[in-house]
C-alpha atoms as a PDB file:
ATOM      1  CA  TYR A   1      30.680  30.437  59.811  1.00  0.00           C
ATOM      2  CA  GLY A   2      33.334  31.259  62.650  1.00  0.00           C
ATOM      3  CA  GLY A   3      32.759  34.780  61.845  1.00  0.00           C
ATOM      4  CA  ARG A   4      33.429  34.842  58.096  1.00  0.00           C
ATOM      5  CA  THR A   5      30.950  35.062  55.062  1.00  0.00           C
ATOM      6  CA  VAL A   6      30.058  31.494  53.790  1.00  0.00           C
ATOM      7  CA  GLU A   7      29.156  31.294  50.032  1.00  0.00           C
ATOM      8  CA  PRO A   8      25.765  29.811  49.492  1.00  0.00           C
ATOM      9  CA  ILE A   9      25.294  26.366  48.238  1.00  0.00           C
ATOM     10  CA  THR A  10      23.901  26.491  44.528  1.00  0.00           C
ATOM     11  CA  GLY A  11      22.731  23.577  42.492  1.00  0.00           C
ATOM     12  CA  SER A  12      19.914  21.173  42.378  1.00  0.00           C
ATOM     13  CA  SER A  13      19.306  17.878  44.283  1.00  0.00           C
ATOM     14  CA  LEU A  14      19.745  14.674  42.298  1.00  0.00           C
ATOM     15  CA  LEU A  15      17.506  12.925  44.744  1.00  0.00           C
ATOM     16  CA  PRO A  16      14.245  13.050  42.589  1.00  0.00           C
ATOM     17  CA  VAL A  17      16.263  11.448  39.756  1.00  0.00           C
ATOM     18  CA  LEU A  18      17.923   8.726  41.877  1.00  0.00           C
ATOM     19  CA  THR A  19      14.525   7.823  43.483  1.00  0.00           C
ATOM     20  CA  ARG A  20      12.893   7.412  40.102  1.00  0.00           C
ATOM     21  CA  GLN A  21      10.306  10.423  41.187  1.00  0.00           C
ATOM     22  CA  ALA A  22      11.861  12.744  37.930  1.00  0.00           C
ATOM     23  CA  ASP A  23      13.609  11.901  34.863  1.00  0.00           C
ATOM     24  CA  LEU A  24      15.637  15.187  34.786  1.00  0.00           C
ATOM     25  CA  THR A  25      17.513  17.186  37.445  1.00  0.00           C
ATOM     26  CA  HIS A  26      17.045  20.359  35.542  1.00  0.00           C
ATOM     27  CA  PRO A  27      14.022  21.519  33.519  1.00  0.00           C
ATOM     28  CA  PRO A  28      14.947  21.800  29.907  1.00  0.00           C
ATOM     29  CA  ASP A  29      15.007  25.628  29.673  1.00  0.00           C
ATOM     30  CA  LYS A  30      17.506  25.967  32.554  1.00  0.00           C
ATOM     31  CA  ALA A  31      21.084  27.183  31.524  1.00  0.00           C
ATOM     32  CA  ILE A  32      23.702  25.133  33.494  1.00  0.00           C
ATOM     33  CA  GLY A  33      27.148  27.349  33.077  1.00  0.00           C
ATOM     34  CA  TYR A  34      30.642  25.753  33.494  1.00  0.00           C
ATOM     35  CA  GLU A  35      34.202  27.446  33.553  1.00  0.00           C
ATOM     36  CA  LEU A  36      37.496  26.101  34.267  1.00  0.00           C
ATOM     37  CA  ALA A  37      40.877  27.874  33.285  1.00  0.00           C
ATOM     38  CA  GLY A  38      39.273  29.617  30.498  1.00  0.00           C
ATOM     39  CA  ASN A  39      37.694  26.396  29.027  1.00  0.00           C
ATOM     40  CA  ALA A  40      33.892  26.863  29.121  1.00  0.00           C
ATOM     41  CA  ALA A  41      30.502  25.161  28.570  1.00  0.00           C
ATOM     42  CA  LEU A  42      26.725  25.851  28.821  1.00  0.00           C
ATOM     43  CA  TYR A  43      24.248  23.249  28.748  1.00  0.00           C
ATOM     44  CA  LYS A  44      20.827  23.748  28.134  1.00  0.00           C
ATOM     45  CA  GLY A  45      18.256  20.920  27.334  1.00  0.00           C
ATOM     46  CA  ASP A  46      19.626  18.745  24.826  1.00  0.00           C
ATOM     47  CA  TYR A  47      22.170  21.297  23.743  1.00  0.00           C
ATOM     48  CA  LYS A  48      25.840  22.147  24.793  1.00  0.00           C
ATOM     49  CA  LEU A  49      27.891  25.379  23.942  1.00  0.00           C
ATOM     50  CA  VAL A  50      31.615  24.706  24.388  1.00  0.00           C
ATOM     51  CA  ARG A  51      34.751  26.717  24.288  1.00  0.00           C
ATOM     52  CA  ASN A  52      38.160  24.814  24.583  1.00  0.00           C
ATOM     53  CA  LEU A  53      41.455  26.478  24.638  1.00  0.00           C
ATOM     54  CA  LEU A  54      44.450  25.387  22.784  1.00  0.00           C
ATOM     55  CA  PRO A  55      46.056  22.466  23.023  1.00  0.00           C
ATOM     56  CA  LEU A  56      42.684  20.462  23.371  1.00  0.00           C
ATOM     57  CA  GLY A  57      40.453  22.836  21.311  1.00  0.00           C
ATOM     58  CA  ASP A  58      40.620  26.007  19.097  1.00  0.00           C
ATOM     59  CA  GLY A  59      39.407  28.558  21.587  1.00  0.00           C
ATOM     60  CA  GLN A  60      36.094  29.096  19.383  1.00  0.00           C
ATOM     61  CA  TRP A  61      32.509  28.355  20.557  1.00  0.00           C
ATOM     62  CA  HIS A  62      30.877  25.443  19.088  1.00  0.00           C
ATOM     63  CA  LEU A  63      27.090  24.310  19.461  1.00  0.00           C
ATOM     64  CA  TYR A  64      26.224  20.619  19.632  1.00  0.00           C
ATOM     65  CA  ASP A  65      23.040  18.642  20.237  1.00  0.00           C
ATOM     66  CA  ILE A  66      24.558  16.258  22.676  1.00  0.00           C
ATOM     67  CA  VAL A  67      21.697  13.732  22.670  1.00  0.00           C
ATOM     68  CA  ARG A  68      21.639  12.952  18.931  1.00  0.00           C
ATOM     69  CA  ASP A  69      25.462  13.786  18.552  1.00  0.00           C
ATOM     70  CA  PRO A  70      27.077  12.473  21.950  1.00  0.00           C
ATOM     71  CA  GLY A  71      30.497  12.688  20.165  1.00  0.00           C
ATOM     72  CA  GLU A  72      30.034  16.191  19.268  1.00  0.00           C
ATOM     73  CA  THR A  73      31.001  15.815  15.703  1.00  0.00           C
ATOM     74  CA  ARG A  74      28.567  18.198  14.038  1.00  0.00           C
ATOM     75  CA  ASP A  75      28.760  21.905  15.077  1.00  0.00           C
ATOM     76  CA  LEU A  76      25.475  23.458  14.873  1.00  0.00           C
ATOM     77  CA  ARG A  77      26.727  27.236  15.327  1.00  0.00           C
ATOM     78  CA  GLU A  78      25.958  28.102  11.603  1.00  0.00           C
ATOM     79  CA  LEU A  79      22.639  25.815  11.307  1.00  0.00           C
ATOM     80  CA  GLU A  80      20.942  26.978  14.345  1.00  0.00           C
ATOM     81  CA  PRO A  81      22.189  30.954  14.810  1.00  0.00           C
ATOM     82  CA  ALA A  82      19.087  31.843  17.016  1.00  0.00           C
ATOM     83  CA  ARG A  83      19.934  28.955  19.528  1.00  0.00           C
ATOM     84  CA  TYR A  84      23.434  29.605  19.355  1.00  0.00           C
ATOM     85  CA  ALA A  85      22.925  33.418  20.195  1.00  0.00           C
ATOM     86  CA  GLN A  86      20.604  32.700  22.957  1.00  0.00           C
ATOM     87  CA  MET A  87      23.161  30.185  24.521  1.00  0.00           C
ATOM     88  CA  GLN A  88      25.917  32.780  24.142  1.00  0.00           C
ATOM     89  CA  ALA A  89      23.475  35.452  26.085  1.00  0.00           C
ATOM     90  CA  ASP A  90      22.698  32.625  28.780  1.00  0.00           C
ATOM     91  CA  TYR A  91      26.569  31.992  29.228  1.00  0.00           C
ATOM     92  CA  ALA A  92      26.977  35.971  29.529  1.00  0.00           C
ATOM     93  CA  ALA A  93      24.445  35.833  32.229  1.00  0.00           C
ATOM     94  CA  TYR A  94      26.429  32.952  34.007  1.00  0.00           C
ATOM     95  CA  VAL A  95      29.411  34.940  33.830  1.00  0.00           C
ATOM     96  CA  ALA A  96      27.845  38.040  35.479  1.00  0.00           C
ATOM     97  CA  GLU A  97      26.074  35.955  38.081  1.00  0.00           C
ATOM     98  CA  ASN A  98      29.120  34.079  38.852  1.00  0.00           C
ATOM     99  CA  ASN A  99      31.660  36.637  38.678  1.00  0.00           C
ATOM    100  CA  VAL A 100      33.840  34.839  36.232  1.00  0.00           C
ATOM    101  CA  LEU A 101      37.110  36.417  35.532  1.00  0.00           C
ATOM    102  CA  PRO A 102      38.634  36.236  31.868  1.00  0.00           C
ATOM    103  CA  MET A 103      41.650  34.629  31.408  1.00  0.00           C
ATOM    104  CA  PRO A 104      44.614  36.966  30.176  1.00  0.00           C
ATOM    105  CA  GLU A 105      45.662  37.045  26.640  1.00  0.00           C
ATOM    106  CA  GLY A 106      47.951  34.122  25.926  1.00  0.00           C
ATOM    107  CA  TYR A 107      46.931  32.100  28.937  1.00  0.00           C
ATOM    108  CA  SER A 108      47.836  28.293  29.002  1.00  0.00           C
ATOM    109  CA  TYR A 109      46.949  26.102  31.687  1.00  0.00           C
ATOM    110  CA  LEU A 110      49.811  23.783  30.721  1.00  0.00           C
ATOM    111  CA  ASP A 111      52.435  26.607  31.137  1.00  0.00           C
ATOM    112  CA  GLN A 112      50.780  27.593  34.380  1.00  0.00           C
ATOM    113  CA  THR A 113      50.822  24.129  35.628  1.00  0.00           C
ATOM    114  CA  MET A 114      54.175  23.584  34.844  1.00  0.00           C
ATOM    115  CA  ARG A 115      55.557  26.961  36.334  1.00  0.00           C
ATOM    116  CA  HIS A 116      53.789  26.335  39.592  1.00  0.00           C
ATOM    117  CA  SER A 117      54.697  22.550  39.803  1.00  0.00           C
ATOM    118  CA  ARG A 118      58.417  23.057  39.141  1.00  0.00           C
ATOM    119  CA  GLY A 119      58.739  24.824  42.453  1.00  0.00           C
ATOM    120  CA  VAL A 120      56.900  22.013  44.311  1.00  0.00           C
ATOM    121  CA  LEU A 121      58.754  19.392  42.699  1.00  0.00           C
ATOM    122  CA  LEU A 122      62.288  20.804  43.392  1.00  0.00           C
ATOM    123  CA  ALA A 123      61.511  21.572  46.807  1.00  0.00           C
ATOM    124  CA  ARG A 124      60.176  18.031  47.228  1.00  0.00           C
ATOM    125  CA  TRP A 125      62.668  16.008  45.393  1.00  0.00           C
ATOM    126  CA  TRP A 126      65.987  18.331  45.647  1.00  0.00           C
ATOM    127  CA  PRO A 127      67.080  16.957  48.827  1.00  0.00           C
ATOM    128  CA  ARG A 128      66.741  13.316  47.494  1.00  0.00           C
ATOM    129  CA  LEU A 129      68.705  14.125  44.381  1.00  0.00           C
ATOM    130  CA  LEU A 130      71.619  15.390  46.389  1.00  0.00           C
ATOM    131  CA  ALA A 131      71.420  12.459  48.496  1.00  0.00           C
ATOM    132  CA  LEU A 132      71.524  10.266  45.420  1.00  0.00           C
ATOM    133  CA  PRO A 133      75.304  10.888  44.604  1.00  0.00           C
ATOM    134  CA  VAL A 134      76.237  10.539  48.477  1.00  0.00           C
ATOM    135  CA  LEU A 135      74.675   7.369  48.554  1.00  0.00           C
ATOM    136  CA  VAL A 136      76.662   6.049  45.225  1.00  0.00           C
ATOM    137  CA  LEU A 137      80.003   7.358  46.772  1.00  0.00           C
ATOM    138  CA  LEU A 138      79.370   5.420  50.004  1.00  0.00           C
ATOM    139  CA  LEU A 139      78.478   2.165  48.243  1.00  0.00           C
ATOM    140  CA  ILE A 140      81.542   2.597  46.066  1.00  0.00           C
ATOM    141  CA  ALA A 141      83.667   3.256  49.040  1.00  0.00           C
ATOM    142  CA  LEU A 142      82.100   0.041  50.929  1.00  0.00           C
ATOM    143  CA  TRP A 143      82.704  -2.126  47.750  1.00  0.00           C
ATOM    144  CA  ARG A 144      86.576  -0.873  47.742  1.00  0.00           C
ATOM    145  CA  VAL A 145      86.842  -1.614  51.337  1.00  0.00           C
ATOM    146  CA  ARG A 146      85.543  -5.070  51.073  1.00  0.00           C
ATOM    147  CA  ARG A 147      88.111  -5.870  48.062  1.00  0.00           C
ATOM    148  CA  LEU A 148      91.103  -4.753  50.095  1.00  0.00           C
ATOM    149  CA  PRO A 149      93.335  -7.620  51.201  1.00  0.00           C
ATOM    150  CA  ALA A 150      92.934  -8.452  54.732  1.00  0.00           C
ATOM    151  CA  ALA A 151      95.812  -6.966  57.024  1.00  0.00           C
ATOM    152  CA  SER A 152      98.620  -9.523  58.126  1.00  0.00           C
END
């Protein structure tokens, strides 16, 4: 567009499900990957492979049957090692196909967010913070002037 390369649209239409022509958006054997700031998931059929970093998770991969266990309380990683290994391979393929970059060692999205938001907050609020003492001094001065006895 406009002389620039545009990434192709990926995904599947929800229309067949919305019009009740299909029960599922994706076939049960299709792997759907996700990554955001080092947190990652892969959905395949009724299963979810997930890794959440600190402070919300432990940074380890877990496997859940999200139909039978929607609260993700029972990790199946050790009970279903073949499924776990296959979904790990599916996630590796997702990473390769989508050029997902690894997060640096010690990365924290909270630290990163605070580091970048401080500058925005200071730039936006600093002039207002400087104006506050000036406004307070002005109000004190007006109050004192009103309290002075009238000149005779």
